[in-house]
Amino acid sequence: MLPLAITMGCPGGIGPEIILKLFTHSHDNHQSPAIIVGDKNVLEFYAKKLQIECSIVSWSPGDTVPAENNVIPVFETSVLSAGSIQPGKFCKETAIAMADAIISAVRGVQESYFSGICTCPISKEALQKSGHHFPGHTEMLAELTSSSNHVMMLAGTSLRVTLATIHCGIAQVPGLLNQKSLLKLYRTTYNSLLIDFAIPEPRIAVAALNPHAGENGMFGNEEEEIIIPSMEKAREESIILHGPFPPDTVFLQASRGDFDAVICMYHDQGLIPLKLLHFKDGVNITIGLPIVRTSVDHGTAYDIAGKGVADTASLAAAVDLANTIIQNRNISGGA
């Protein structure tokens, strides 16, 4: 079995801490083999600072993955100086190391020495400072895998959401919605539920953009002109969609099991209910990529970095879900 790659995230954030805790305090949360892609010096710095007993060892493709508790194998992609590692802060040196870990993890999957990727949090500002000008992980991974069909999904045990628009101003959302992009989103969401989550007949709800789903044009015409026609085209492809539903009720229905996922029109429409229900154990998944990628559903948390209080629940859930998706893809024989 190929090991999963876990990228360290920003060296100044909580990524290194939750990795250390996952491999020590919460070792039972990852039964499948995993390798940290990043910097041994960073993990050793936080292990010493937080007094976490562990053995951090180098790993190269082809090596056996250590099975012992408290042994953390690292595929080294940088060697940061001690002075550059500062909890709660980043610099150009750590930003470059952060980005290099992501690039190396993707290459490792493409060259078949990792099964997939689970990413710890990065700073979007640091990513810019590294010289890689992407809005975030999702867009960077799409570029690295030459994929034009990438979608952000956020998932918990009771709710999954996918997003039609991600990182943009709220005033831009209506202008970014169109039938072609929504149809692609429906397809990608449907195929991911079918293959990645092994749901044979996915039930997908579509959230309206406007209050009361537009109330027949009284509160906006995006439903009548864009969303409903795109849903009709999806049904012609045997993609069964329900809605569009008023946003203030659809998440309750989904959370109690009526739907397998909700397609949302903008970032906060989906993330507010998801984080309300799954603030600690939510998982960010980039669906539609040729590789498996999951992530923690939280940021770098610079304010608590290095203090020993970071929670591993989201990382543990992201590792478990990555392994589940890898297994499901292997069974189905496709991405």
Protein backbone atom coordinates (compact mmCIF):
# COMPACT_ATOMS: atom_id res chain seq x y z
CA MET A 1 0.00 0.00 0.00
CA LEU A 2 1.37 3.40 -0.98
CA PRO A 3 1.58 5.90 1.88
CA LEU A 4 -0.51 9.06 2.05
CA ALA A 5 1.40 12.35 1.85
CA ILE A 6 0.61 14.90 4.56
CA THR A 7 2.04 18.33 3.78
CA MET A 8 3.26 20.34 6.75
CA GLY A 9 1.47 23.61 5.87
CA CYS A 10 2.89 26.95 6.95
CA PRO A 11 5.80 26.47 9.39
CA GLY A 12 4.49 29.37 11.45
CA GLY A 13 0.97 27.95 11.76
CA ILE A 14 -0.55 25.05 13.66
CA GLY A 15 0.12 22.46 10.94
CA PRO A 16 3.32 21.10 12.50
CA GLU A 17 1.66 20.85 15.92
CA ILE A 18 -1.38 18.91 14.75
CA ILE A 19 0.89 16.57 12.77
CA LEU A 20 2.94 15.84 15.89
CA LYS A 21 -0.21 15.20 17.91
CA LEU A 22 -1.73 12.98 15.21
CA PHE A 23 1.34 10.73 15.19
CA THR A 24 1.68 10.62 18.97
CA HIS A 25 -1.40 11.40 21.09
CA SER A 26 -3.86 10.34 18.36
CA HIS A 27 -1.93 7.61 16.58
CA ASP A 28 -5.00 5.38 16.32
CA ASN A 29 -6.63 7.95 14.02
CA HIS A 30 -4.46 6.91 11.08
CA GLN A 31 -4.17 3.20 10.55
CA SER A 32 -2.92 3.50 6.97
CA PRO A 33 0.69 4.53 6.30
CA ALA A 34 1.42 8.25 6.03
CA ILE A 35 4.49 10.36 5.31
CA ILE A 36 5.01 14.01 6.21
CA VAL A 37 6.19 16.10 3.28
CA GLY A 38 8.10 19.09 4.53
CA ASP A 39 10.90 19.99 6.90
CA LYS A 40 12.37 17.92 9.75
CA ASN A 41 13.71 21.05 11.42
CA VAL A 42 10.21 22.49 11.71
CA LEU A 43 8.81 19.36 13.36
CA GLU A 44 11.80 19.08 15.68
CA PHE A 45 11.38 22.74 16.66
CA TYR A 46 7.75 22.26 17.68
CA ALA A 47 8.36 18.87 19.29
CA LYS A 48 10.95 20.49 21.55
CA LYS A 49 8.85 23.58 22.22
CA LEU A 50 5.73 21.59 23.06
CA GLN A 51 7.64 18.78 24.84
CA ILE A 52 6.21 16.09 22.57
CA GLU A 53 8.20 12.87 22.76
CA CYS A 54 8.71 11.41 19.30
CA SER A 55 11.32 10.28 16.81
CA ILE A 56 11.42 12.28 13.57
CA VAL A 57 13.17 10.32 10.82
CA SER A 58 13.99 10.90 7.17
CA TRP A 59 12.12 8.88 4.54
CA SER A 60 12.76 8.36 0.84
CA PRO A 61 10.61 6.68 -1.81
CA GLY A 62 11.07 2.93 -1.56
CA ASP A 63 11.82 2.98 2.16
CA THR A 64 9.61 1.01 4.53
CA VAL A 65 7.12 3.23 6.33
CA PRO A 66 7.74 2.99 10.10
CA ALA A 67 4.83 1.38 11.95
CA GLU A 68 5.95 2.23 15.49
CA ASN A 69 4.07 4.72 17.63
CA ASN A 70 5.69 8.14 17.97
CA VAL A 71 7.89 7.68 14.88
CA ILE A 72 7.26 10.38 12.28
CA PRO A 73 8.72 9.77 8.78
CA VAL A 74 9.50 12.91 6.78
CA PHE A 75 10.11 13.29 3.06
CA GLU A 76 12.37 16.31 3.27
CA THR A 77 11.68 19.13 0.82
CA SER A 78 13.47 21.94 2.66
CA VAL A 79 15.98 22.56 5.43
CA LEU A 80 14.93 25.74 7.19
CA SER A 81 17.25 27.72 9.41
CA ALA A 82 16.37 27.83 13.10
CA GLY A 83 15.90 31.60 13.02
CA SER A 84 13.27 31.44 10.29
CA ILE A 85 10.86 29.23 12.27
CA GLN A 86 8.66 31.48 14.38
CA PRO A 87 5.20 30.52 15.65
CA GLY A 88 2.57 32.94 14.41
CA LYS A 89 4.73 34.40 11.64
CA PHE A 90 6.01 33.64 8.17
CA CYS A 91 8.88 34.97 6.10
CA LYS A 92 9.94 34.44 2.52
CA GLU A 93 12.09 31.43 3.47
CA THR A 94 9.25 29.62 5.25
CA ALA A 95 6.77 30.60 2.52
CA ILE A 96 8.95 28.99 -0.15
CA ALA A 97 9.32 25.85 1.99
CA MET A 98 5.54 25.71 2.45
CA ALA A 99 4.95 25.86 -1.31
CA ASP A 100 7.75 23.40 -2.13
CA ALA A 101 6.14 20.78 0.12
CA ILE A 102 2.89 21.01 -1.85
CA ILE A 103 4.68 20.77 -5.20
CA SER A 104 6.70 17.76 -4.05
CA ALA A 105 3.63 15.98 -2.67
CA VAL A 106 1.78 16.36 -5.97
CA ARG A 107 4.82 15.13 -7.89
CA GLY A 108 5.03 12.18 -5.51
CA VAL A 109 1.47 11.12 -6.32
CA GLN A 110 2.11 11.54 -10.03
CA GLU A 111 5.24 9.40 -9.76
CA SER A 112 3.38 6.73 -7.73
CA TYR A 113 5.17 6.89 -4.42
CA PHE A 114 2.24 8.52 -2.60
CA SER A 115 -1.40 7.42 -2.78
CA GLY A 116 -2.84 10.89 -2.33
CA ILE A 117 -2.41 14.17 -0.44
CA CYS A 118 -3.75 15.55 2.82
CA THR A 119 -2.76 19.17 3.34
CA CYS A 120 -2.23 21.16 6.51
CA PRO A 121 -3.19 24.85 6.46
CA ILE A 122 -1.30 27.48 4.50
CA SER A 123 -1.39 31.25 4.51
CA LYS A 124 -2.68 32.73 1.26
CA GLU A 125 -0.49 35.78 1.90
CA ALA A 126 2.54 33.55 2.41
CA LEU A 127 1.73 31.70 -0.80
CA GLN A 128 1.97 34.99 -2.67
CA LYS A 129 5.27 35.75 -0.94
CA SER A 130 6.63 32.37 -2.07
CA GLY A 131 6.33 33.49 -5.68
CA HIS A 132 3.33 31.25 -6.46
CA HIS A 133 0.46 33.59 -7.21
CA PHE A 134 -2.60 31.47 -6.56
CA PRO A 135 -5.61 32.41 -4.41
CA GLY A 136 -5.12 29.20 -2.41
CA HIS A 137 -4.46 25.48 -2.34
CA THR A 138 -7.31 24.59 -4.69
CA GLU A 139 -6.15 26.70 -7.61
CA MET A 140 -2.51 25.70 -7.10
CA LEU A 141 -3.35 22.00 -7.13
CA ALA A 142 -5.45 22.45 -10.26
CA GLU A 143 -2.48 24.06 -12.02
CA LEU A 144 -0.04 21.38 -10.82
CA THR A 145 -2.31 18.59 -12.07
CA SER A 146 -3.34 20.40 -15.30
CA SER A 147 -6.97 20.13 -14.25
CA SER A 148 -9.72 22.50 -15.39
CA ASN A 149 -12.40 20.56 -13.58
CA HIS A 150 -11.74 21.27 -9.91
CA VAL A 151 -14.37 21.94 -7.27
CA MET A 152 -14.13 22.73 -3.56
CA MET A 153 -16.21 20.41 -1.39
CA LEU A 154 -16.52 20.75 2.37
CA ALA A 155 -17.65 17.64 4.18
CA GLY A 156 -18.66 16.45 7.61
CA THR A 157 -20.54 13.43 8.84
CA SER A 158 -23.94 15.12 8.41
CA LEU A 159 -23.42 17.67 5.63
CA ARG A 160 -21.50 18.05 2.36
CA VAL A 161 -21.43 21.23 0.28
CA THR A 162 -19.86 22.23 -3.03
CA LEU A 163 -19.41 25.79 -4.23
CA ALA A 164 -20.19 27.52 -7.51
CA THR A 165 -17.97 30.48 -6.60
CA ILE A 166 -15.20 30.55 -4.02
CA HIS A 167 -12.86 33.43 -3.25
CA CYS A 168 -14.53 36.53 -4.62
CA GLY A 169 -16.47 39.53 -3.37
CA ILE A 170 -20.16 38.95 -2.72
CA ALA A 171 -21.04 41.62 -5.27
CA GLN A 172 -19.26 39.59 -7.96
CA VAL A 173 -21.22 36.37 -7.41
CA PRO A 174 -24.26 36.99 -9.68
CA GLY A 175 -22.01 37.92 -12.60
CA LEU A 176 -19.93 34.77 -12.16
CA LEU A 177 -22.88 32.39 -12.33
CA ASN A 178 -23.68 30.90 -15.73
CA GLN A 179 -25.32 27.76 -17.03
CA LYS A 180 -22.12 26.25 -18.43
CA SER A 181 -20.12 26.50 -15.19
CA LEU A 182 -23.04 25.30 -13.08
CA LEU A 183 -23.54 22.26 -15.31
CA LYS A 184 -19.85 21.39 -14.90
CA LEU A 185 -20.26 21.76 -11.13
CA TYR A 186 -23.28 19.45 -11.10
CA ARG A 187 -21.36 16.81 -13.07
CA THR A 188 -18.30 16.99 -10.84
CA THR A 189 -20.33 16.85 -7.64
CA TYR A 190 -22.42 13.93 -8.92
CA ASN A 191 -19.38 11.94 -10.07
CA SER A 192 -17.56 12.52 -6.78
CA LEU A 193 -20.52 11.31 -4.74
CA LEU A 194 -20.83 8.31 -7.03
CA ILE A 195 -17.13 7.33 -7.06
CA ASP A 196 -15.30 9.01 -4.15
CA PHE A 197 -18.11 8.47 -1.64
CA ALA A 198 -19.53 5.27 -3.21
CA ILE A 199 -23.11 6.57 -3.15
CA PRO A 200 -24.94 4.65 -5.93
CA GLU A 201 -27.80 7.14 -6.45
CA PRO A 202 -26.65 10.56 -5.22
CA ARG A 203 -29.33 12.93 -3.93
CA ILE A 204 -28.21 16.48 -4.64
CA ALA A 205 -29.95 19.67 -3.54
CA VAL A 206 -29.29 23.04 -5.16
CA ALA A 207 -29.42 26.15 -2.99
CA ALA A 208 -30.94 29.24 -4.58
CA LEU A 209 -28.96 32.47 -4.72
CA ASN A 210 -31.77 34.75 -3.55
CA PRO A 211 -34.12 34.73 -0.54
CA HIS A 212 -37.18 32.51 -1.07
CA ALA A 213 -35.49 31.20 -4.24
CA GLY A 214 -36.22 34.53 -5.89
CA GLU A 215 -40.00 34.36 -5.28
CA ASN A 216 -40.73 34.14 -9.03
CA GLY A 217 -38.44 37.04 -9.83
CA MET A 218 -39.56 39.33 -7.01
CA PHE A 219 -36.17 39.11 -5.23
CA GLY A 220 -33.92 38.38 -8.20
CA ASN A 221 -34.03 36.55 -11.51
CA GLU A 222 -30.90 34.34 -11.30
CA GLU A 223 -33.01 31.30 -10.41
CA GLU A 224 -35.30 31.65 -13.43
CA GLU A 225 -32.62 32.67 -15.94
CA ILE A 226 -29.55 30.67 -14.85
CA ILE A 227 -30.02 28.08 -12.11
CA ILE A 228 -33.24 26.34 -13.18
CA PRO A 229 -32.24 26.07 -16.88
CA SER A 230 -28.87 24.61 -15.90
CA MET A 231 -30.59 22.07 -13.65
CA GLU A 232 -32.84 21.03 -16.54
CA LYS A 233 -29.76 20.42 -18.71
CA ALA A 234 -28.26 18.28 -15.93
CA ARG A 235 -31.42 16.17 -15.78
CA GLU A 236 -31.01 15.47 -19.50
CA GLU A 237 -27.70 13.80 -18.50
CA SER A 238 -29.50 11.73 -15.84
CA ILE A 239 -28.08 13.87 -13.02
CA ILE A 240 -30.99 14.15 -10.62
CA LEU A 241 -31.08 17.50 -8.85
CA HIS A 242 -33.60 18.89 -6.37
CA GLY A 243 -34.48 22.55 -5.95
CA PRO A 244 -33.48 25.27 -6.17
CA PHE A 245 -34.41 25.53 -2.51
CA PRO A 246 -34.48 28.64 -0.33
CA PRO A 247 -31.09 28.78 1.38
CA ASP A 248 -32.62 29.17 4.84
CA THR A 249 -34.18 25.68 4.79
CA VAL A 250 -32.12 23.42 2.53
CA PHE A 251 -29.25 22.85 4.97
CA LEU A 252 -31.59 21.62 7.68
CA GLN A 253 -33.00 19.08 5.22
CA ALA A 254 -29.53 17.95 4.16
CA SER A 255 -28.18 17.72 7.71
CA ARG A 256 -30.95 15.32 8.69
CA GLY A 257 -30.19 13.03 5.75
CA ASP A 258 -32.57 14.10 2.99
CA PHE A 259 -29.69 14.91 0.61
CA ASP A 260 -26.12 13.69 0.11
CA ALA A 261 -24.81 17.15 -0.82
CA VAL A 262 -25.92 20.75 -1.30
CA ILE A 263 -24.62 22.80 -4.22
CA CYS A 264 -24.14 26.38 -3.05
CA MET A 265 -23.85 29.58 -5.05
CA TYR A 266 -21.17 31.30 -2.97
CA HIS A 267 -18.53 30.69 -0.31
CA ASP A 268 -20.26 31.67 2.93
CA GLN A 269 -23.61 30.22 1.89
CA GLY A 270 -22.05 26.78 2.19
CA LEU A 271 -19.36 27.31 4.79
CA ILE A 272 -21.49 28.91 7.50
CA PRO A 273 -23.78 25.87 7.96
CA LEU A 274 -20.90 23.44 7.42
CA LYS A 275 -18.76 25.04 10.10
CA LEU A 276 -21.71 25.43 12.45
CA LEU A 277 -22.13 21.65 12.36
CA HIS A 278 -18.52 20.57 11.77
CA PHE A 279 -16.24 23.30 13.07
CA LYS A 280 -13.75 20.81 14.53
CA ASP A 281 -14.05 17.83 12.21
CA GLY A 282 -14.90 19.33 8.81
CA VAL A 283 -12.79 18.33 5.79
CA ASN A 284 -11.97 20.32 2.66
CA ILE A 285 -11.76 18.15 -0.48
CA THR A 286 -10.75 19.19 -3.98
CA ILE A 287 -12.97 17.01 -6.13
CA GLY A 288 -12.51 16.58 -9.87
CA LEU A 289 -8.71 16.33 -9.69
CA PRO A 290 -6.88 13.28 -11.08
CA ILE A 291 -5.31 12.88 -7.62
CA VAL A 292 -6.93 12.58 -4.19
CA ARG A 293 -6.60 15.68 -2.06
CA THR A 294 -8.19 16.40 1.31
CA SER A 295 -7.36 19.12 3.80
CA VAL A 296 -8.14 20.40 7.23
CA ASP A 297 -11.06 22.81 7.21
CA HIS A 298 -9.34 25.56 9.16
CA GLY A 299 -6.60 28.10 8.73
CA THR A 300 -3.09 28.53 10.09
CA ALA A 301 -4.42 29.88 13.41
CA TYR A 302 -1.33 32.03 13.93
CA ASP A 303 -2.81 33.34 17.20
CA ILE A 304 -2.46 29.92 18.88
CA ALA A 305 0.54 28.54 16.97
CA GLY A 306 3.15 27.01 19.26
CA LYS A 307 0.91 27.12 22.33
CA GLY A 308 0.01 23.43 22.40
CA VAL A 309 -3.76 23.94 22.21
CA ALA A 310 -4.45 23.13 18.53
CA ASP A 311 -7.07 20.43 17.90
CA THR A 312 -6.25 17.46 15.64
CA ALA A 313 -9.87 16.51 14.89
CA SER A 314 -10.00 18.05 11.40
CA LEU A 315 -6.63 16.58 10.39
CA ALA A 316 -7.62 13.14 11.66
CA ALA A 317 -10.90 13.36 9.71
CA ALA A 318 -9.07 14.56 6.58
CA VAL A 319 -6.61 11.65 6.74
CA ASP A 320 -9.42 9.13 7.23
CA LEU A 321 -11.46 10.59 4.37
CA ALA A 322 -8.46 10.67 2.02
CA ASN A 323 -7.88 6.97 2.65
CA THR A 324 -11.58 6.23 2.12
CA ILE A 325 -11.63 8.08 -1.21
CA ILE A 326 -8.44 6.34 -2.35
CA GLN A 327 -9.99 2.97 -1.51
CA ASN A 328 -13.25 3.85 -3.28
CA ARG A 329 -11.41 5.03 -6.40
CA ASN A 330 -9.37 1.85 -6.45
CA ILE A 331 -12.55 -0.24 -6.25
CA SER A 332 -14.34 1.74 -8.96
CA GLY A 333 -11.26 1.95 -11.15
CA GLY A 334 -11.54 5.67 -11.83
CA ALA A 335 -11.17 9.23 -10.57
